[in-house]
C-alpha atoms as a PDB file:
ATOM      1  CA  MET A   1      -0.098  -0.085   0.070  1.00  0.00           C
ATOM      2  CA  LYS A   2       1.280   3.665  -0.700  1.00  0.00           C
ATOM      3  CA  ALA A   3       1.798   5.562   2.536  1.00  0.00           C
ATOM      4  CA  ILE A   4       2.934   8.575   1.083  1.00  0.00           C
ATOM      5  CA  GLN A   5       2.693  10.166  -2.369  1.00  0.00           C
ATOM      6  CA  TYR A   6       4.562  13.423  -3.271  1.00  0.00           C
ATOM      7  CA  GLN A   7       2.865  14.698  -6.166  1.00  0.00           C
ATOM      8  CA  ASN A   8       4.801  17.716  -7.950  1.00  0.00           C
ATOM      9  CA  ILE A   9       5.790  19.355  -4.449  1.00  0.00           C
ATOM     10  CA  SER A  10       7.323  22.692  -4.579  1.00  0.00           C
ATOM     11  CA  LYS A  11       8.033  25.338  -1.965  1.00  0.00           C
ATOM     12  CA  LYS A  12       9.313  28.869  -2.322  1.00  0.00           C
ATOM     13  CA  TYR A  13       9.780  30.876   0.991  1.00  0.00           C
ATOM     14  CA  PRO A  14       8.764  34.623   0.921  1.00  0.00           C
ATOM     15  CA  GLY A  15      11.502  36.984  -0.293  1.00  0.00           C
ATOM     16  CA  SER A  16      13.267  34.085  -1.952  1.00  0.00           C
ATOM     17  CA  ASP A  17      13.958  33.690  -5.808  1.00  0.00           C
ATOM     18  CA  VAL A  18      14.663  30.080  -5.752  1.00  0.00           C
ATOM     19  CA  LEU A  19      12.565  26.954  -4.928  1.00  0.00           C
ATOM     20  CA  SER A  20      13.715  25.205  -1.665  1.00  0.00           C
ATOM     21  CA  VAL A  21      11.759  22.107  -2.816  1.00  0.00           C
ATOM     22  CA  ASN A  22      11.632  22.091  -6.724  1.00  0.00           C
ATOM     23  CA  HIS A  23       8.875  19.946  -8.166  1.00  0.00           C
ATOM     24  CA  VAL A  24       9.505  16.724  -6.231  1.00  0.00           C
ATOM     25  CA  SER A  25       7.349  13.550  -7.034  1.00  0.00           C
ATOM     26  CA  ALA A  26       7.896  10.201  -5.343  1.00  0.00           C
ATOM     27  CA  GLU A  27       5.975   7.588  -3.817  1.00  0.00           C
ATOM     28  CA  ILE A  28       6.683   5.562  -0.340  1.00  0.00           C
ATOM     29  CA  ARG A  29       5.297   2.385   0.479  1.00  0.00           C
ATOM     30  CA  GLU A  30       3.786   1.406   3.840  1.00  0.00           C
ATOM     31  CA  GLY A  31       6.521  -0.299   6.002  1.00  0.00           C
ATOM     32  CA  GLU A  32       9.579   1.219   4.392  1.00  0.00           C
ATOM     33  CA  PHE A  33      12.547   3.086   5.937  1.00  0.00           C
ATOM     34  CA  ILE A  34      13.464   5.814   3.716  1.00  0.00           C
ATOM     35  CA  THR A  35      16.209   8.080   4.176  1.00  0.00           C
ATOM     36  CA  ILE A  36      16.619  11.657   2.848  1.00  0.00           C
ATOM     37  CA  LEU A  37      19.958  12.593   2.009  1.00  0.00           C
ATOM     38  CA  GLY A  38      21.686  15.795   0.972  1.00  0.00           C
ATOM     39  CA  SER A  39      23.873  18.716   2.239  1.00  0.00           C
ATOM     40  CA  SER A  40      22.523  21.686   4.296  1.00  0.00           C
ATOM     41  CA  GLY A  41      19.940  23.846   2.331  1.00  0.00           C
ATOM     42  CA  CYS A  42      19.106  20.990  -0.132  1.00  0.00           C
ATOM     43  CA  GLY A  43      15.392  21.072   0.776  1.00  0.00           C
ATOM     44  CA  LYS A  44      15.262  17.802   2.941  1.00  0.00           C
ATOM     45  CA  THR A  45      13.905  19.142   6.028  1.00  0.00           C
ATOM     46  CA  THR A  46      11.393  21.247   4.277  1.00  0.00           C
ATOM     47  CA  LEU A  47      10.211  18.265   2.527  1.00  0.00           C
ATOM     48  CA  LEU A  48       9.714  16.359   5.894  1.00  0.00           C
ATOM     49  CA  LYS A  49       7.944  19.480   7.593  1.00  0.00           C
ATOM     50  CA  MET A  50       5.534  19.596   4.660  1.00  0.00           C
ATOM     51  CA  THR A  51       4.654  15.988   5.385  1.00  0.00           C
ATOM     52  CA  ASN A  52       3.206  16.936   8.568  1.00  0.00           C
ATOM     53  CA  ARG A  53       2.113  20.402   7.555  1.00  0.00           C
ATOM     54  CA  LEU A  54       4.396  22.313   9.735  1.00  0.00           C
ATOM     55  CA  ILE A  55       5.158  24.061   6.456  1.00  0.00           C
ATOM     56  CA  GLU A  56       2.650  24.351   3.586  1.00  0.00           C
ATOM     57  CA  PRO A  57       3.754  23.585  -0.162  1.00  0.00           C
ATOM     58  CA  SER A  58       3.611  26.350  -2.476  1.00  0.00           C
ATOM     59  CA  GLU A  59       2.407  23.862  -5.339  1.00  0.00           C
ATOM     60  CA  GLY A  60       1.436  20.105  -5.498  1.00  0.00           C
ATOM     61  CA  LYS A  61      -0.134  17.701  -3.264  1.00  0.00           C
ATOM     62  CA  ILE A  62       0.957  15.194  -0.455  1.00  0.00           C
ATOM     63  CA  ILE A  63      -1.332  12.262  -0.164  1.00  0.00           C
ATOM     64  CA  LEU A  64      -1.167  10.074   3.010  1.00  0.00           C
ATOM     65  CA  PHE A  65      -2.974   6.683   2.491  1.00  0.00           C
ATOM     66  CA  GLY A  66      -5.232   7.950  -0.095  1.00  0.00           C
ATOM     67  CA  GLU A  67      -5.945  11.107   1.665  1.00  0.00           C
ATOM     68  CA  ASP A  68      -4.921  14.656   0.383  1.00  0.00           C
ATOM     69  CA  ILE A  69      -3.582  16.250   3.695  1.00  0.00           C
ATOM     70  CA  SER A  70      -4.467  19.839   2.532  1.00  0.00           C
ATOM     71  CA  THR A  71      -8.185  18.895   3.214  1.00  0.00           C
ATOM     72  CA  VAL A  72      -7.463  17.704   6.909  1.00  0.00           C
ATOM     73  CA  ASN A  73      -6.926  19.798   9.859  1.00  0.00           C
ATOM     74  CA  PRO A  74      -3.231  20.155  10.467  1.00  0.00           C
ATOM     75  CA  ILE A  75      -3.392  19.247  14.084  1.00  0.00           C
ATOM     76  CA  VAL A  76      -5.240  16.001  13.168  1.00  0.00           C
ATOM     77  CA  VAL A  77      -2.461  15.395  10.654  1.00  0.00           C
ATOM     78  CA  ARG A  78       0.433  15.869  13.162  1.00  0.00           C
ATOM     79  CA  ARG A  79      -1.240  13.576  15.598  1.00  0.00           C
ATOM     80  CA  ARG A  80      -1.218  10.688  12.999  1.00  0.00           C
ATOM     81  CA  MET A  81       2.348  10.971  12.740  1.00  0.00           C
ATOM     82  CA  GLY A  82       5.518  10.582  15.051  1.00  0.00           C
ATOM     83  CA  TYR A  83       8.144  13.448  14.929  1.00  0.00           C
ATOM     84  CA  VAL A  84      11.527  13.350  16.058  1.00  0.00           C
ATOM     85  CA  ILE A  85      13.993  16.204  16.041  1.00  0.00           C
ATOM     86  CA  GLN A  86      17.819  16.862  16.692  1.00  0.00           C
ATOM     87  CA  GLN A  87      16.652  19.090  19.885  1.00  0.00           C
ATOM     88  CA  VAL A  88      14.702  16.496  21.559  1.00  0.00           C
ATOM     89  CA  GLY A  89      12.293  18.944  23.215  1.00  0.00           C
ATOM     90  CA  LEU A  90      11.631  16.940  26.413  1.00  0.00           C
ATOM     91  CA  PHE A  91       9.777  19.347  29.244  1.00  0.00           C
ATOM     92  CA  PRO A  92      12.194  19.780  31.865  1.00  0.00           C
ATOM     93  CA  HIS A  93       9.828  20.029  34.735  1.00  0.00           C
ATOM     94  CA  MET A  94       8.234  16.723  33.681  1.00  0.00           C
ATOM     95  CA  THR A  95       9.112  13.142  34.504  1.00  0.00           C
ATOM     96  CA  ILE A  96      10.040  10.839  31.789  1.00  0.00           C
ATOM     97  CA  GLU A  97       6.869   8.981  32.126  1.00  0.00           C
ATOM     98  CA  GLN A  98       4.970  12.363  32.073  1.00  0.00           C
ATOM     99  CA  ASN A  99       6.875  13.497  28.860  1.00  0.00           C
ATOM    100  CA  ILE A 100       6.000  10.280  26.963  1.00  0.00           C
ATOM    101  CA  GLY A 101       2.515  10.349  28.070  1.00  0.00           C
ATOM    102  CA  ILE A 102       1.642  14.015  27.415  1.00  0.00           C
ATOM    103  CA  ILE A 103      -0.324  13.281  24.120  1.00  0.00           C
ATOM    104  CA  PRO A 104      -2.193  10.573  25.547  1.00  0.00           C
ATOM    105  CA  GLN A 105      -2.993  12.670  28.525  1.00  0.00           C
ATOM    106  CA  LEU A 106      -4.352  15.225  26.101  1.00  0.00           C
ATOM    107  CA  GLU A 107      -6.485  12.707  24.277  1.00  0.00           C
ATOM    108  CA  LYS A 108      -7.814  11.654  27.803  1.00  0.00           C
ATOM    109  CA  TRP A 109      -6.604   8.186  27.879  1.00  0.00           C
ATOM    110  CA  ASP A 110      -7.071   6.103  30.953  1.00  0.00           C
ATOM    111  CA  ARG A 111      -4.180   6.619  33.512  1.00  0.00           C
ATOM    112  CA  SER A 112      -3.483   2.945  33.803  1.00  0.00           C
ATOM    113  CA  LYS A 113      -3.237   2.650  30.082  1.00  0.00           C
ATOM    114  CA  ILE A 114      -0.741   5.446  29.867  1.00  0.00           C
ATOM    115  CA  HIS A 115       1.228   3.916  32.596  1.00  0.00           C
ATOM    116  CA  ASP A 116       1.307   0.405  30.596  1.00  0.00           C
ATOM    117  CA  ARG A 117       2.057   2.396  27.160  1.00  0.00           C
ATOM    118  CA  VAL A 118       5.018   4.006  28.977  1.00  0.00           C
ATOM    119  CA  THR A 119       6.260   0.665  30.368  1.00  0.00           C
ATOM    120  CA  GLU A 120       5.925  -0.898  27.002  1.00  0.00           C
ATOM    121  CA  LEU A 121       7.809   1.972  24.991  1.00  0.00           C
ATOM    122  CA  LEU A 122      10.763   2.280  27.506  1.00  0.00           C
ATOM    123  CA  ASN A 123      11.293  -1.523  27.102  1.00  0.00           C
ATOM    124  CA  LEU A 124      11.106  -0.871  23.206  1.00  0.00           C
ATOM    125  CA  VAL A 125      13.997   1.721  23.512  1.00  0.00           C
ATOM    126  CA  ASP A 126      15.932  -0.352  25.813  1.00  0.00           C
ATOM    127  CA  LEU A 127      15.532   1.743  29.172  1.00  0.00           C
ATOM    128  CA  ASP A 128      14.580  -0.085  32.163  1.00  0.00           C
ATOM    129  CA  PRO A 129      11.054   1.380  33.205  1.00  0.00           C
ATOM    130  CA  GLU A 130      11.764   0.944  36.824  1.00  0.00           C
ATOM    131  CA  ILE A 131      14.858   3.093  36.809  1.00  0.00           C
ATOM    132  CA  TYR A 132      13.984   5.616  34.228  1.00  0.00           C
ATOM    133  CA  ARG A 133      10.015   6.437  34.357  1.00  0.00           C
ATOM    134  CA  ASN A 134      10.411   8.923  37.432  1.00  0.00           C
ATOM    135  CA  ARG A 135      13.663  10.488  36.260  1.00  0.00           C
ATOM    136  CA  TYR A 136      13.831  13.856  34.859  1.00  0.00           C
ATOM    137  CA  PRO A 137      15.512  14.837  31.461  1.00  0.00           C
ATOM    138  CA  SER A 138      18.511  16.640  33.265  1.00  0.00           C
ATOM    139  CA  GLN A 139      19.172  13.251  34.870  1.00  0.00           C
ATOM    140  CA  LEU A 140      19.699  11.511  31.484  1.00  0.00           C
ATOM    141  CA  SER A 141      22.470  11.498  28.887  1.00  0.00           C
ATOM    142  CA  GLY A 142      22.039  13.013  25.394  1.00  0.00           C
ATOM    143  CA  GLY A 143      21.565   9.432  23.807  1.00  0.00           C
ATOM    144  CA  GLN A 144      18.886   8.496  26.530  1.00  0.00           C
ATOM    145  CA  GLN A 145      16.994  11.603  25.893  1.00  0.00           C
ATOM    146  CA  GLN A 146      17.007  10.868  22.218  1.00  0.00           C
ATOM    147  CA  ARG A 147      15.574   7.427  23.074  1.00  0.00           C
ATOM    148  CA  ILE A 148      12.837   9.321  25.291  1.00  0.00           C
ATOM    149  CA  GLY A 149      12.019  11.561  22.133  1.00  0.00           C
ATOM    150  CA  LEU A 150      11.741   8.376  20.169  1.00  0.00           C
ATOM    151  CA  ALA A 151       9.418   6.663  22.656  1.00  0.00           C
ATOM    152  CA  ARG A 152       7.240   9.770  22.923  1.00  0.00           C
ATOM    153  CA  ALA A 153       6.830   9.877  19.077  1.00  0.00           C
ATOM    154  CA  LEU A 154       5.631   6.300  18.930  1.00  0.00           C
ATOM    155  CA  VAL A 155       3.293   6.590  22.097  1.00  0.00           C
ATOM    156  CA  THR A 156       0.074   7.005  19.946  1.00  0.00           C
ATOM    157  CA  ASN A 157       1.186   4.251  17.535  1.00  0.00           C
ATOM    158  CA  PRO A 158       1.446   6.060  14.494  1.00  0.00           C
ATOM    159  CA  LYS A 159       1.803   4.688  11.051  1.00  0.00           C
ATOM    160  CA  ILE A 160       4.370   7.229   9.884  1.00  0.00           C
ATOM    161  CA  MET A 161       7.589   8.383  11.768  1.00  0.00           C
ATOM    162  CA  LEU A 162       9.317  11.513  10.843  1.00  0.00           C
ATOM    163  CA  LEU A 163      12.948  11.928  11.928  1.00  0.00           C
ATOM    164  CA  ASP A 164      14.883  15.119  11.201  1.00  0.00           C
ATOM    165  CA  GLU A 165      18.515  14.377  11.826  1.00  0.00           C
ATOM    166  CA  PRO A 166      17.716  12.899  15.218  1.00  0.00           C
ATOM    167  CA  PHE A 167      21.268  11.977  15.987  1.00  0.00           C
ATOM    168  CA  GLY A 168      23.390  14.819  14.699  1.00  0.00           C
ATOM    169  CA  ALA A 169      24.423  16.085  17.889  1.00  0.00           C
ATOM    170  CA  ILE A 170      25.378  12.935  19.431  1.00  0.00           C
ATOM    171  CA  ASP A 171      28.806  11.344  19.775  1.00  0.00           C
ATOM    172  CA  ALA A 172      29.967   8.730  17.246  1.00  0.00           C
ATOM    173  CA  ILE A 173      29.674   5.771  19.543  1.00  0.00           C
ATOM    174  CA  THR A 174      26.298   6.519  20.813  1.00  0.00           C
ATOM    175  CA  ARG A 175      25.087   7.520  17.254  1.00  0.00           C
ATOM    176  CA  LEU A 176      25.980   4.086  16.025  1.00  0.00           C
ATOM    177  CA  ASN A 177      24.146   2.312  19.090  1.00  0.00           C
ATOM    178  CA  LEU A 178      21.146   4.460  18.378  1.00  0.00           C
ATOM    179  CA  GLN A 179      21.199   3.669  14.678  1.00  0.00           C
ATOM    180  CA  ASN A 180      21.081  -0.088  15.647  1.00  0.00           C
ATOM    181  CA  GLU A 181      18.342   0.495  18.011  1.00  0.00           C
ATOM    182  CA  LEU A 182      16.272   2.490  15.392  1.00  0.00           C
ATOM    183  CA  LYS A 183      16.444  -0.356  12.793  1.00  0.00           C
ATOM    184  CA  ARG A 184      15.447  -2.819  15.466  1.00  0.00           C
ATOM    185  CA  ILE A 185      12.493  -0.740  16.365  1.00  0.00           C
ATOM    186  CA  HIS A 186      11.585  -0.224  12.739  1.00  0.00           C
ATOM    187  CA  GLN A 187      11.554  -4.189  12.273  1.00  0.00           C
ATOM    188  CA  GLU A 188       9.463  -4.578  15.230  1.00  0.00           C
ATOM    189  CA  THR A 189       6.853  -1.996  14.789  1.00  0.00           C
ATOM    190  CA  SER A 190       6.630  -2.244  10.734  1.00  0.00           C
ATOM    191  CA  ARG A 191       6.013   1.444  10.699  1.00  0.00           C
ATOM    192  CA  THR A 192       6.815   3.794   7.742  1.00  0.00           C
ATOM    193  CA  PHE A 193       9.905   5.793   8.603  1.00  0.00           C
ATOM    194  CA  LEU A 194      11.347   8.837   6.896  1.00  0.00           C
ATOM    195  CA  LEU A 195      14.873   9.943   8.416  1.00  0.00           C
ATOM    196  CA  VAL A 196      16.545  13.149   7.330  1.00  0.00           C
ATOM    197  CA  THR A 197      20.355  13.055   7.298  1.00  0.00           C
ATOM    198  CA  HIS A 198      23.409  14.602   5.709  1.00  0.00           C
ATOM    199  CA  ASP A 199      25.657  11.742   6.501  1.00  0.00           C
ATOM    200  CA  ILE A 200      25.625   9.220   3.747  1.00  0.00           C
ATOM    201  CA  ASN A 201      26.739   6.338   5.822  1.00  0.00           C
ATOM    202  CA  GLU A 202      23.861   7.012   8.070  1.00  0.00           C
ATOM    203  CA  ALA A 203      21.478   7.099   4.991  1.00  0.00           C
ATOM    204  CA  PHE A 204      22.803   3.991   3.398  1.00  0.00           C
ATOM    205  CA  ARG A 205      22.891   2.045   6.521  1.00  0.00           C
ATOM    206  CA  LEU A 206      19.343   2.653   7.691  1.00  0.00           C
ATOM    207  CA  GLY A 207      17.266   3.301   4.540  1.00  0.00           C
ATOM    208  CA  ASN A 208      15.970   0.429   2.358  1.00  0.00           C
ATOM    209  CA  ARG A 209      15.622   3.189  -0.138  1.00  0.00           C
ATOM    210  CA  VAL A 210      17.416   6.665  -0.149  1.00  0.00           C
ATOM    211  CA  MET A 211      16.119   9.939  -1.675  1.00  0.00           C
ATOM    212  CA  ILE A 212      19.225  12.031  -2.610  1.00  0.00           C
ATOM    213  CA  MET A 213      18.441  15.843  -3.001  1.00  0.00           C
ATOM    214  CA  ASP A 214      20.464  18.804  -3.944  1.00  0.00           C
ATOM    215  CA  ARG A 215      19.174  22.493  -4.459  1.00  0.00           C
ATOM    216  CA  GLY A 216      15.684  21.448  -4.069  1.00  0.00           C
ATOM    217  CA  LYS A 217      15.529  18.680  -6.538  1.00  0.00           C
ATOM    218  CA  LEU A 218      15.100  15.008  -6.196  1.00  0.00           C
ATOM    219  CA  LEU A 219      18.262  13.556  -8.094  1.00  0.00           C
ATOM    220  CA  GLN A 220      17.776   9.826  -7.337  1.00  0.00           C
ATOM    221  CA  PHE A 221      15.412   7.513  -5.315  1.00  0.00           C
ATOM    222  CA  ASP A 222      16.541   4.004  -5.125  1.00  0.00           C
ATOM    223  CA  THR A 223      18.031   1.328  -2.853  1.00  0.00           C
ATOM    224  CA  PRO A 224      21.587   1.901  -1.662  1.00  0.00           C
ATOM    225  CA  GLN A 225      23.000  -0.992  -3.727  1.00  0.00           C
ATOM    226  CA  GLU A 226      21.557   0.420  -7.105  1.00  0.00           C
ATOM    227  CA  ILE A 227      22.598   3.985  -6.096  1.00  0.00           C
ATOM    228  CA  VAL A 228      26.253   2.920  -5.630  1.00  0.00           C
ATOM    229  CA  ARG A 229      26.020   0.706  -8.925  1.00  0.00           C
ATOM    230  CA  HIS A 230      24.146   3.306 -11.041  1.00  0.00           C
ATOM    231  CA  PRO A 231      24.525   6.792  -9.781  1.00  0.00           C
ATOM    232  CA  GLU A 232      22.349   9.124 -12.053  1.00  0.00           C
ATOM    233  CA  ASP A 233      23.771  12.433 -11.435  1.00  0.00           C
ATOM    234  CA  PRO A 234      27.240  14.075 -10.804  1.00  0.00           C
ATOM    235  CA  PHE A 235      26.207  15.091  -7.489  1.00  0.00           C
ATOM    236  CA  VAL A 236      25.344  11.620  -6.528  1.00  0.00           C
ATOM    237  CA  GLU A 237      28.649  10.256  -7.915  1.00  0.00           C
ATOM    238  CA  THR A 238      30.573  12.865  -5.791  1.00  0.00           C
ATOM    239  CA  LEU A 239      28.845  11.332  -2.802  1.00  0.00           C
ATOM    240  CA  ILE A 240      29.643   7.873  -3.425  1.00  0.00           C
ATOM    241  CA  SER A 241      33.413   8.830  -4.178  1.00  0.00           C
ATOM    242  CA  SER A 242      33.515  10.676  -1.046  1.00  0.00           C
ATOM    243  CA  ALA A 243      32.380   7.613   0.904  1.00  0.00           C
ATOM    244  CA  ARG A 244      34.720   5.562  -0.985  1.00  0.00           C
ATOM    245  CA  GLU A 245      37.624   7.738  -0.035  1.00  0.00           C
ATOM    246  CA  GLN A 246      36.728   7.423   3.864  1.00  0.00           C
ATOM    247  CA  GLU A 247      36.610   3.671   3.402  1.00  0.00           C
ATOM    248  CA  ASP A 248      40.161   3.644   1.708  1.00  0.00           C
ATOM    249  CA  PHE A 249      41.482   5.792   4.418  1.00  0.00           C
ATOM    250  CA  TRP A 250      40.303   3.354   7.151  1.00  0.00           C
ATOM    251  CA  LYS A 251      42.115   0.604   5.226  1.00  0.00           C
ATOM    252  CA  ASP A 252      45.251   2.593   5.020  1.00  0.00           C
ATOM    253  CA  VAL A 253      45.230   3.185   8.718  1.00  0.00           C
ATOM    254  CA  MET A 254      44.711  -0.449   9.480  1.00  0.00           C
ATOM    255  CA  LYS A 255      47.421  -1.733   7.440  1.00  0.00           C
END
């Protein structure tokens, strides 16, 4: 089933002469893990934010599970999706359980149901509920806070998860561990994931398909293997070459 359809989507910000997103069309199937790769300013975050109507497109349509989101209340659209950003945005005066359960509380879930769901999600992100549910964000490491942000985004069991460079501010070792956790969570939940990154290794490691963007345009959208074998644009070729140079560097170091 088609989860997301981008139909000739464009975005031009007021006062700008260029399109931040330039006539992008693509289809994403339910259950896929899609990574959106590109350098700063290429339009990847704008595309992600248009998906949950934090930003409105200047042209084109976005269809979620057959429904044009422009016809749906933006708040309803956002509550149907999980959204994780680099700056986790946990409320410092709330416990971890309260942070994760804030949307269910607003939706008037039963208290015991919220408690059980928090327990389930803390286990899913590999944090012991009995240790962490009553802690505050300041008592957690950056990596642990990011796990809580992920749990909070999953709390209402959304069909789509949007992740905007969620590991960009985390050290390399923790980042690798969180990538492994995210792959496991995706496999266990079978949700549709879209993750924005500027790191080619992260994009190719996590995505079963990768969208490569530059200057607002979608240059290539395919599996990592197919992109490596058949790059369709000079920019894509440069990305592949840079990744191979990094590999060669490490091979030389290990000699």
